[in-house]
N, C-alpha and C. Protein backbone atom coordinates (compact mmCIF):
# COMPACT_ATOMS: atom_id res chain seq x y z
N MET A 1 22.32 8.24 21.48
CA MET A 1 20.93 7.99 21.80
C MET A 1 20.62 6.53 21.47
N ASN A 2 19.89 5.91 22.37
CA ASN A 2 19.55 4.51 22.23
C ASN A 2 18.11 4.38 21.72
N TRP A 3 17.96 3.88 20.49
CA TRP A 3 16.63 3.71 19.91
C TRP A 3 16.07 2.36 20.30
N THR A 4 15.58 2.27 21.52
CA THR A 4 14.95 1.04 21.99
C THR A 4 13.60 0.88 21.30
N LEU A 5 13.03 -0.30 21.42
CA LEU A 5 11.71 -0.55 20.84
C LEU A 5 10.68 0.42 21.41
N SER A 6 10.74 0.64 22.71
CA SER A 6 9.76 1.55 23.32
C SER A 6 9.95 2.98 22.81
N ASN A 7 11.19 3.42 22.58
CA ASN A 7 11.42 4.75 22.02
C ASN A 7 10.91 4.85 20.58
N LYS A 8 11.05 3.76 19.83
CA LYS A 8 10.54 3.74 18.44
C LYS A 8 9.01 3.86 18.43
N ILE A 9 8.36 3.18 19.38
CA ILE A 9 6.90 3.26 19.47
C ILE A 9 6.48 4.68 19.85
N THR A 10 7.20 5.31 20.75
CA THR A 10 6.91 6.70 21.13
C THR A 10 7.08 7.62 19.92
N ALA A 11 8.15 7.43 19.17
CA ALA A 11 8.38 8.25 17.97
C ALA A 11 7.27 8.03 16.95
N MET A 12 6.78 6.79 16.83
CA MET A 12 5.68 6.51 15.93
C MET A 12 4.43 7.31 16.32
N ARG A 13 4.24 7.50 17.62
CA ARG A 13 3.09 8.28 18.09
C ARG A 13 3.19 9.72 17.58
N ILE A 14 4.37 10.27 17.57
CA ILE A 14 4.56 11.63 17.04
C ILE A 14 4.30 11.66 15.54
N ILE A 15 4.76 10.65 14.83
CA ILE A 15 4.54 10.57 13.38
C ILE A 15 3.05 10.42 13.07
N LEU A 16 2.31 9.79 13.96
CA LEU A 16 0.86 9.61 13.75
C LEU A 16 0.08 10.92 13.87
N VAL A 17 0.65 11.94 14.49
CA VAL A 17 -0.10 13.18 14.69
C VAL A 17 -0.54 13.80 13.36
N PRO A 18 0.34 14.02 12.38
CA PRO A 18 -0.15 14.59 11.12
C PRO A 18 -1.11 13.65 10.38
N VAL A 19 -0.93 12.35 10.53
CA VAL A 19 -1.85 11.39 9.92
C VAL A 19 -3.23 11.54 10.58
N PHE A 20 -3.23 11.69 11.89
CA PHE A 20 -4.46 11.92 12.64
C PHE A 20 -5.16 13.19 12.15
N VAL A 21 -4.40 14.26 11.97
CA VAL A 21 -4.98 15.54 11.49
C VAL A 21 -5.62 15.34 10.12
N LEU A 22 -4.93 14.68 9.22
CA LEU A 22 -5.50 14.42 7.88
C LEU A 22 -6.79 13.61 7.99
N ALA A 23 -6.79 12.58 8.83
CA ALA A 23 -7.98 11.76 9.01
C ALA A 23 -9.14 12.57 9.57
N PHE A 24 -8.83 13.51 10.45
CA PHE A 24 -9.87 14.35 11.06
C PHE A 24 -10.61 15.16 10.00
N TYR A 25 -9.92 15.54 8.93
CA TYR A 25 -10.52 16.38 7.90
C TYR A 25 -11.12 15.58 6.73
N LEU A 26 -11.17 14.28 6.84
CA LEU A 26 -11.89 13.48 5.84
C LEU A 26 -13.37 13.81 5.95
N PRO A 27 -14.15 13.51 4.92
CA PRO A 27 -15.59 13.75 5.02
C PRO A 27 -16.23 12.91 6.12
N ALA A 28 -17.20 13.50 6.81
CA ALA A 28 -17.94 12.78 7.86
C ALA A 28 -18.84 11.76 7.18
N PRO A 29 -19.13 10.65 7.75
CA PRO A 29 -18.70 10.13 9.05
C PRO A 29 -17.36 9.38 9.00
N LEU A 30 -16.77 9.25 7.80
CA LEU A 30 -15.49 8.56 7.69
C LEU A 30 -14.45 9.18 8.62
N SER A 31 -14.46 10.50 8.73
CA SER A 31 -13.48 11.19 9.58
C SER A 31 -13.62 10.76 11.05
N TYR A 32 -14.86 10.53 11.50
CA TYR A 32 -15.08 10.15 12.89
C TYR A 32 -14.37 8.82 13.19
N TYR A 33 -14.57 7.85 12.30
CA TYR A 33 -14.01 6.52 12.53
C TYR A 33 -12.51 6.49 12.28
N ALA A 34 -12.04 7.15 11.23
CA ALA A 34 -10.61 7.14 10.92
C ALA A 34 -9.80 7.85 12.00
N SER A 35 -10.23 9.05 12.38
CA SER A 35 -9.48 9.78 13.41
C SER A 35 -9.61 9.08 14.77
N GLY A 36 -10.78 8.51 15.04
CA GLY A 36 -10.96 7.76 16.28
C GLY A 36 -10.06 6.54 16.35
N LEU A 37 -9.92 5.83 15.24
CA LEU A 37 -9.07 4.65 15.20
C LEU A 37 -7.60 5.04 15.38
N ILE A 38 -7.16 6.06 14.67
CA ILE A 38 -5.76 6.50 14.79
C ILE A 38 -5.48 6.98 16.21
N PHE A 39 -6.39 7.74 16.78
CA PHE A 39 -6.19 8.21 18.15
C PHE A 39 -6.14 7.04 19.12
N ALA A 40 -6.99 6.05 18.94
CA ALA A 40 -7.00 4.87 19.82
C ALA A 40 -5.67 4.12 19.72
N ILE A 41 -5.17 3.94 18.52
CA ILE A 41 -3.87 3.26 18.33
C ILE A 41 -2.77 4.04 19.04
N ALA A 42 -2.77 5.35 18.84
CA ALA A 42 -1.74 6.19 19.47
C ALA A 42 -1.88 6.14 20.99
N GLY A 43 -3.10 6.20 21.49
CA GLY A 43 -3.33 6.15 22.93
C GLY A 43 -2.86 4.84 23.55
N TRP A 44 -3.18 3.74 22.91
CA TRP A 44 -2.73 2.45 23.44
C TRP A 44 -1.22 2.30 23.33
N SER A 45 -0.63 2.91 22.30
CA SER A 45 0.82 2.82 22.16
C SER A 45 1.52 3.52 23.32
N ASP A 46 0.88 4.52 23.90
CA ASP A 46 1.45 5.21 25.07
C ASP A 46 1.58 4.23 26.23
N TRP A 47 0.52 3.48 26.47
CA TRP A 47 0.58 2.49 27.55
C TRP A 47 1.60 1.40 27.20
N PHE A 48 1.58 0.94 25.95
CA PHE A 48 2.42 -0.18 25.53
C PHE A 48 3.90 0.17 25.59
N ASP A 49 4.28 1.37 25.13
CA ASP A 49 5.71 1.70 25.15
C ASP A 49 6.22 1.82 26.59
N GLY A 50 5.39 2.33 27.49
CA GLY A 50 5.79 2.39 28.89
C GLY A 50 5.93 1.01 29.50
N TYR A 51 5.00 0.13 29.16
CA TYR A 51 5.06 -1.24 29.65
C TYR A 51 6.34 -1.93 29.16
N LEU A 52 6.63 -1.78 27.87
CA LEU A 52 7.84 -2.38 27.31
C LEU A 52 9.10 -1.82 27.97
N ALA A 53 9.14 -0.52 28.14
CA ALA A 53 10.33 0.10 28.74
C ALA A 53 10.58 -0.44 30.14
N ARG A 54 9.50 -0.58 30.92
CA ARG A 54 9.66 -1.07 32.29
C ARG A 54 10.01 -2.55 32.34
N THR A 55 9.31 -3.37 31.58
CA THR A 55 9.50 -4.81 31.67
C THR A 55 10.77 -5.30 30.97
N ARG A 56 11.25 -4.55 29.99
CA ARG A 56 12.45 -4.96 29.26
C ARG A 56 13.69 -4.22 29.75
N GLY A 57 13.52 -3.37 30.76
CA GLY A 57 14.66 -2.61 31.26
C GLY A 57 15.18 -1.61 30.24
N GLU A 58 14.28 -1.04 29.44
CA GLU A 58 14.67 -0.12 28.37
C GLU A 58 14.38 1.34 28.71
N GLU A 59 14.23 1.65 29.96
CA GLU A 59 13.97 3.04 30.32
C GLU A 59 15.23 3.86 30.04
N THR A 60 15.04 4.94 29.28
CA THR A 60 16.17 5.80 28.91
C THR A 60 15.81 7.26 29.19
N ALA A 61 16.84 8.08 29.32
CA ALA A 61 16.62 9.52 29.51
C ALA A 61 15.88 10.09 28.30
N PHE A 62 16.25 9.62 27.11
CA PHE A 62 15.58 10.10 25.90
C PHE A 62 14.10 9.72 25.91
N GLY A 63 13.81 8.51 26.33
CA GLY A 63 12.42 8.07 26.42
C GLY A 63 11.62 8.87 27.43
N ARG A 64 12.24 9.18 28.58
CA ARG A 64 11.57 10.00 29.59
C ARG A 64 11.29 11.41 29.07
N PHE A 65 12.12 11.89 28.16
CA PHE A 65 11.88 13.19 27.52
C PHE A 65 10.81 13.07 26.44
N LEU A 66 10.97 12.08 25.55
CA LEU A 66 10.13 11.99 24.36
C LEU A 66 8.69 11.59 24.66
N ASP A 67 8.49 10.70 25.62
CA ASP A 67 7.15 10.19 25.89
C ASP A 67 6.15 11.29 26.26
N PRO A 68 6.46 12.18 27.22
CA PRO A 68 5.49 13.24 27.51
C PRO A 68 5.31 14.23 26.36
N VAL A 69 6.36 14.43 25.55
CA VAL A 69 6.23 15.30 24.38
C VAL A 69 5.21 14.70 23.41
N ALA A 70 5.34 13.41 23.15
CA ALA A 70 4.41 12.74 22.24
C ALA A 70 2.99 12.79 22.78
N ASP A 71 2.83 12.54 24.07
CA ASP A 71 1.50 12.56 24.69
C ASP A 71 0.86 13.93 24.59
N LYS A 72 1.60 14.95 24.99
CA LYS A 72 1.05 16.31 25.00
C LYS A 72 0.74 16.79 23.59
N LEU A 73 1.60 16.45 22.64
CA LEU A 73 1.36 16.84 21.25
C LEU A 73 0.07 16.22 20.72
N LEU A 74 -0.07 14.92 20.91
CA LEU A 74 -1.27 14.22 20.44
C LEU A 74 -2.53 14.77 21.09
N VAL A 75 -2.52 14.88 22.40
CA VAL A 75 -3.72 15.33 23.12
C VAL A 75 -4.05 16.79 22.78
N THR A 76 -3.05 17.65 22.74
CA THR A 76 -3.30 19.06 22.44
C THR A 76 -3.85 19.24 21.03
N VAL A 77 -3.25 18.57 20.06
CA VAL A 77 -3.75 18.67 18.68
C VAL A 77 -5.18 18.17 18.60
N ALA A 78 -5.46 17.04 19.24
CA ALA A 78 -6.83 16.48 19.21
C ALA A 78 -7.82 17.45 19.85
N LEU A 79 -7.47 18.01 20.99
CA LEU A 79 -8.39 18.93 21.67
C LEU A 79 -8.63 20.19 20.85
N VAL A 80 -7.60 20.72 20.24
CA VAL A 80 -7.76 21.94 19.42
C VAL A 80 -8.66 21.63 18.21
N LEU A 81 -8.45 20.49 17.58
CA LEU A 81 -9.30 20.12 16.45
C LEU A 81 -10.76 19.95 16.88
N LEU A 82 -10.97 19.36 18.05
CA LEU A 82 -12.33 19.16 18.55
C LEU A 82 -13.02 20.50 18.84
N VAL A 83 -12.27 21.45 19.37
CA VAL A 83 -12.84 22.78 19.61
C VAL A 83 -13.18 23.43 18.27
N GLU A 84 -12.24 23.35 17.32
CA GLU A 84 -12.47 23.96 16.01
C GLU A 84 -13.73 23.40 15.34
N ALA A 85 -13.96 22.09 15.52
CA ALA A 85 -15.13 21.45 14.91
C ALA A 85 -16.41 21.71 15.69
N GLY A 86 -16.29 22.33 16.87
CA GLY A 86 -17.47 22.58 17.70
C GLY A 86 -17.89 21.36 18.51
N PHE A 87 -16.98 20.38 18.65
CA PHE A 87 -17.31 19.15 19.37
C PHE A 87 -16.92 19.21 20.84
N ALA A 88 -16.14 20.22 21.25
CA ALA A 88 -15.65 20.30 22.63
C ALA A 88 -15.71 21.74 23.12
N SER A 89 -15.89 21.89 24.41
CA SER A 89 -15.95 23.19 25.06
C SER A 89 -14.58 23.87 25.05
N THR A 90 -14.54 25.10 24.56
CA THR A 90 -13.29 25.87 24.52
C THR A 90 -12.74 26.06 25.93
N ILE A 91 -13.59 26.40 26.89
CA ILE A 91 -13.15 26.67 28.25
C ILE A 91 -12.51 25.43 28.87
N LEU A 92 -13.15 24.28 28.72
CA LEU A 92 -12.59 23.05 29.29
C LEU A 92 -11.24 22.72 28.66
N VAL A 93 -11.15 22.87 27.35
CA VAL A 93 -9.90 22.58 26.65
C VAL A 93 -8.80 23.56 27.07
N LEU A 94 -9.15 24.82 27.24
CA LEU A 94 -8.15 25.80 27.70
C LEU A 94 -7.63 25.45 29.09
N ILE A 95 -8.51 25.00 29.96
CA ILE A 95 -8.08 24.60 31.31
C ILE A 95 -7.12 23.41 31.23
N ILE A 96 -7.47 22.41 30.43
CA ILE A 96 -6.63 21.21 30.30
C ILE A 96 -5.27 21.57 29.71
N ILE A 97 -5.26 22.33 28.63
CA ILE A 97 -3.98 22.67 27.98
C ILE A 97 -3.15 23.57 28.89
N SER A 98 -3.78 24.50 29.58
CA SER A 98 -3.05 25.37 30.52
C SER A 98 -2.38 24.54 31.61
N ARG A 99 -3.10 23.58 32.14
CA ARG A 99 -2.53 22.71 33.18
C ARG A 99 -1.31 21.97 32.64
N GLU A 100 -1.41 21.47 31.41
CA GLU A 100 -0.30 20.72 30.83
C GLU A 100 0.94 21.61 30.68
N ILE A 101 0.76 22.85 30.26
CA ILE A 101 1.89 23.77 30.10
C ILE A 101 2.49 24.10 31.46
N ILE A 102 1.65 24.41 32.42
CA ILE A 102 2.14 24.77 33.76
C ILE A 102 2.90 23.61 34.40
N ILE A 103 2.33 22.42 34.37
CA ILE A 103 2.97 21.28 35.03
C ILE A 103 4.21 20.85 34.25
N GLY A 104 4.18 20.95 32.93
CA GLY A 104 5.38 20.65 32.14
C GLY A 104 6.53 21.58 32.50
N ALA A 105 6.23 22.87 32.64
CA ALA A 105 7.25 23.84 33.04
C ALA A 105 7.73 23.57 34.46
N LEU A 106 6.81 23.22 35.34
CA LEU A 106 7.17 22.91 36.72
C LEU A 106 8.11 21.71 36.77
N ARG A 107 7.79 20.67 36.02
CA ARG A 107 8.63 19.47 36.01
C ARG A 107 10.03 19.79 35.49
N GLU A 108 10.10 20.64 34.47
CA GLU A 108 11.41 21.04 33.93
C GLU A 108 12.20 21.83 34.97
N TRP A 109 11.55 22.77 35.63
CA TRP A 109 12.20 23.57 36.66
C TRP A 109 12.71 22.68 37.80
N LEU A 110 11.88 21.73 38.20
CA LEU A 110 12.29 20.82 39.27
C LEU A 110 13.44 19.92 38.83
N ALA A 111 13.43 19.49 37.58
CA ALA A 111 14.52 18.66 37.06
C ALA A 111 15.84 19.42 37.09
N GLU A 112 15.80 20.71 36.77
CA GLU A 112 17.01 21.53 36.84
C GLU A 112 17.54 21.61 38.25
N ARG A 113 16.66 21.45 39.22
CA ARG A 113 17.05 21.50 40.64
C ARG A 113 17.32 20.09 41.18
N ALA A 114 17.40 19.12 40.27
CA ALA A 114 17.67 17.71 40.61
C ALA A 114 16.58 17.11 41.51
N VAL A 115 15.36 17.59 41.34
CA VAL A 115 14.21 17.03 42.07
C VAL A 115 13.45 16.14 41.10
N VAL A 116 13.34 14.88 41.44
CA VAL A 116 12.62 13.92 40.60
C VAL A 116 11.14 14.01 40.92
N VAL A 117 10.33 14.17 39.88
CA VAL A 117 8.87 14.23 40.04
C VAL A 117 8.28 13.03 39.33
N HIS A 118 7.66 12.15 40.09
CA HIS A 118 7.03 10.97 39.51
C HIS A 118 5.59 11.30 39.15
N VAL A 119 5.09 10.62 38.15
CA VAL A 119 3.70 10.81 37.75
C VAL A 119 2.81 10.30 38.87
N SER A 120 1.86 11.13 39.29
CA SER A 120 0.97 10.74 40.37
C SER A 120 -0.13 9.82 39.85
N GLN A 121 -0.74 9.10 40.76
CA GLN A 121 -1.87 8.24 40.39
C GLN A 121 -3.00 9.09 39.81
N MET A 122 -3.20 10.29 40.41
CA MET A 122 -4.24 11.18 39.89
C MET A 122 -3.91 11.62 38.46
N GLY A 123 -2.63 11.85 38.19
CA GLY A 123 -2.21 12.20 36.83
C GLY A 123 -2.51 11.09 35.84
N LYS A 124 -2.36 9.85 36.28
CA LYS A 124 -2.67 8.71 35.41
C LYS A 124 -4.17 8.63 35.12
N TRP A 125 -4.98 8.88 36.17
CA TRP A 125 -6.43 8.88 35.97
C TRP A 125 -6.84 10.02 35.04
N LYS A 126 -6.18 11.16 35.19
CA LYS A 126 -6.45 12.32 34.32
C LYS A 126 -6.18 11.95 32.87
N THR A 127 -5.06 11.30 32.62
CA THR A 127 -4.71 10.91 31.25
C THR A 127 -5.72 9.92 30.69
N LEU A 128 -6.11 8.94 31.48
CA LEU A 128 -7.08 7.95 31.02
C LEU A 128 -8.42 8.60 30.67
N THR A 129 -8.91 9.49 31.53
CA THR A 129 -10.20 10.14 31.24
C THR A 129 -10.08 11.07 30.03
N GLN A 130 -8.92 11.70 29.85
CA GLN A 130 -8.72 12.53 28.64
C GLN A 130 -8.84 11.66 27.39
N MET A 131 -8.22 10.50 27.43
CA MET A 131 -8.26 9.60 26.27
C MET A 131 -9.69 9.17 25.97
N PHE A 132 -10.46 8.80 27.00
CA PHE A 132 -11.86 8.42 26.80
C PHE A 132 -12.66 9.60 26.25
N ALA A 133 -12.41 10.78 26.80
CA ALA A 133 -13.13 11.98 26.35
C ALA A 133 -12.86 12.25 24.88
N ILE A 134 -11.61 12.27 24.52
CA ILE A 134 -11.24 12.58 23.13
C ILE A 134 -11.78 11.52 22.19
N GLU A 135 -11.67 10.26 22.58
CA GLU A 135 -12.18 9.18 21.72
C GLU A 135 -13.68 9.33 21.49
N GLY A 136 -14.43 9.57 22.57
CA GLY A 136 -15.87 9.74 22.43
C GLY A 136 -16.23 10.94 21.56
N LEU A 137 -15.52 12.04 21.76
CA LEU A 137 -15.80 13.25 20.97
C LEU A 137 -15.39 13.08 19.51
N LEU A 138 -14.33 12.34 19.26
CA LEU A 138 -13.93 12.08 17.87
C LEU A 138 -14.97 11.22 17.16
N LEU A 139 -15.45 10.19 17.83
CA LEU A 139 -16.47 9.33 17.20
C LEU A 139 -17.77 10.10 17.00
N HIS A 140 -18.07 10.99 17.89
CA HIS A 140 -19.09 12.04 17.75
C HIS A 140 -20.54 11.57 17.63
N GLN A 141 -20.78 10.43 17.09
CA GLN A 141 -22.16 9.99 16.90
C GLN A 141 -22.38 8.68 17.65
N ASP A 142 -23.62 8.25 17.68
CA ASP A 142 -23.93 7.01 18.38
C ASP A 142 -23.15 5.86 17.74
N PHE A 143 -22.62 5.00 18.61
CA PHE A 143 -21.84 3.85 18.17
C PHE A 143 -22.52 2.62 18.74
N PHE A 144 -23.18 1.86 17.88
CA PHE A 144 -23.99 0.72 18.30
C PHE A 144 -25.01 1.14 19.36
N GLY A 145 -25.62 2.31 19.14
CA GLY A 145 -26.65 2.82 20.03
C GLY A 145 -26.14 3.57 21.24
N PHE A 146 -24.82 3.61 21.43
CA PHE A 146 -24.26 4.31 22.59
C PHE A 146 -23.90 5.74 22.18
N PRO A 147 -24.36 6.74 22.94
CA PRO A 147 -24.12 8.14 22.57
C PRO A 147 -22.68 8.58 22.86
N MET A 148 -21.80 8.41 21.87
CA MET A 148 -20.38 8.68 22.06
C MET A 148 -20.09 10.15 22.35
N HIS A 149 -20.77 11.06 21.67
CA HIS A 149 -20.49 12.48 21.90
C HIS A 149 -20.84 12.87 23.33
N GLU A 150 -21.99 12.42 23.81
CA GLU A 150 -22.40 12.75 25.17
C GLU A 150 -21.45 12.13 26.19
N ALA A 151 -21.04 10.89 25.94
CA ALA A 151 -20.09 10.23 26.84
C ALA A 151 -18.76 10.98 26.82
N GLY A 152 -18.31 11.38 25.62
CA GLY A 152 -17.07 12.13 25.51
C GLY A 152 -17.14 13.46 26.25
N THR A 153 -18.28 14.13 26.16
CA THR A 153 -18.45 15.39 26.88
C THR A 153 -18.39 15.17 28.39
N GLY A 154 -19.03 14.12 28.87
CA GLY A 154 -18.98 13.81 30.30
C GLY A 154 -17.55 13.51 30.75
N PHE A 155 -16.84 12.74 29.96
CA PHE A 155 -15.45 12.44 30.30
C PHE A 155 -14.57 13.69 30.21
N LEU A 156 -14.90 14.62 29.31
CA LEU A 156 -14.11 15.85 29.21
C LEU A 156 -14.28 16.69 30.48
N TRP A 157 -15.49 16.75 31.01
CA TRP A 157 -15.71 17.44 32.28
C TRP A 157 -14.91 16.77 33.39
N LEU A 158 -14.95 15.44 33.44
CA LEU A 158 -14.21 14.70 34.46
C LEU A 158 -12.70 14.91 34.28
N ALA A 159 -12.23 14.86 33.04
CA ALA A 159 -10.80 15.07 32.77
C ALA A 159 -10.37 16.47 33.19
N THR A 160 -11.23 17.45 33.00
CA THR A 160 -10.90 18.82 33.41
C THR A 160 -10.78 18.89 34.93
N PHE A 161 -11.73 18.30 35.63
CA PHE A 161 -11.67 18.26 37.08
C PHE A 161 -10.39 17.58 37.57
N LEU A 162 -10.07 16.42 36.98
CA LEU A 162 -8.87 15.69 37.37
C LEU A 162 -7.60 16.44 36.98
N SER A 163 -7.65 17.20 35.90
CA SER A 163 -6.50 18.03 35.50
C SER A 163 -6.21 19.07 36.56
N VAL A 164 -7.26 19.73 37.02
CA VAL A 164 -7.08 20.76 38.05
C VAL A 164 -6.60 20.11 39.35
N TRP A 165 -7.22 19.01 39.73
CA TRP A 165 -6.86 18.33 40.97
C TRP A 165 -5.41 17.84 40.94
N SER A 166 -5.04 17.14 39.88
CA SER A 166 -3.67 16.62 39.81
C SER A 166 -2.66 17.76 39.67
N GLY A 167 -3.05 18.83 38.97
CA GLY A 167 -2.17 20.00 38.89
C GLY A 167 -1.94 20.61 40.25
N TYR A 168 -2.99 20.68 41.04
CA TYR A 168 -2.87 21.17 42.41
C TYR A 168 -1.92 20.29 43.21
N GLU A 169 -2.05 18.96 43.06
CA GLU A 169 -1.17 18.03 43.78
C GLU A 169 0.30 18.26 43.42
N TYR A 170 0.58 18.45 42.12
CA TYR A 170 1.96 18.70 41.70
C TYR A 170 2.48 20.01 42.29
N LEU A 171 1.66 21.05 42.24
CA LEU A 171 2.08 22.35 42.78
C LEU A 171 2.29 22.27 44.29
N LYS A 172 1.40 21.59 44.97
CA LYS A 172 1.53 21.42 46.42
C LYS A 172 2.81 20.65 46.75
N GLY A 173 3.11 19.62 45.97
CA GLY A 173 4.34 18.85 46.19
C GLY A 173 5.60 19.65 45.93
N ALA A 174 5.50 20.65 45.06
CA ALA A 174 6.65 21.50 44.74
C ALA A 174 6.82 22.66 45.69
N LEU A 175 5.87 22.85 46.60
CA LEU A 175 5.90 23.98 47.51
C LEU A 175 7.22 24.13 48.26
N PRO A 176 7.80 23.05 48.76
CA PRO A 176 9.10 23.24 49.44
C PRO A 176 10.18 23.84 48.53
N GLU A 177 10.16 23.46 47.26
CA GLU A 177 11.14 24.02 46.31
C GLU A 177 10.85 25.48 46.02
N PHE A 178 9.57 25.84 45.95
CA PHE A 178 9.22 27.26 45.77
C PHE A 178 9.76 28.09 46.93
N ARG A 179 9.63 27.54 48.12
CA ARG A 179 10.08 28.28 49.31
C ARG A 179 11.60 28.44 49.34
N ARG A 180 12.31 27.46 48.76
CA ARG A 180 13.77 27.56 48.69
C ARG A 180 14.22 28.60 47.66
N GLY A 181 13.31 28.91 46.73
CA GLY A 181 13.63 29.93 45.73
C GLY A 181 14.20 29.37 44.55
């Protein structure tokens, strides 16, 4: 296994998950800012490690495996904590997490059939809106007069819509493989 810089950054994102959980349970309002900051760092590291991998020619099979694991772990843990705290809708979070499980399984099944599935543009927009939603919901209160919780809730609705839409696109793209059996 090749531990490139981008793979190390991805691994750091996984290590940040328990730190994020601990920060989430700090007393409010410290928890809002600490968990929000950690989530923001982890979220930006997702973009940064991908950028490094592409520009430095460091794309590896291990990185292609680890990166979505780190992303899904961080997002799922954050969404579950937000539901537990009463900051996010259970139904919306269930839809988002269900989509992630279904599409993750689909991608694995397609990989076994030697079918390469690239991340769609809609999938990228879905991820970006999820990050904005989670960040707003983590901050939870007005930030310099801006209603972060309300903005986060709006982005969560948008992320849910984009999750369903991009999930549909992936399933539609896999239809020929379904027909082959």
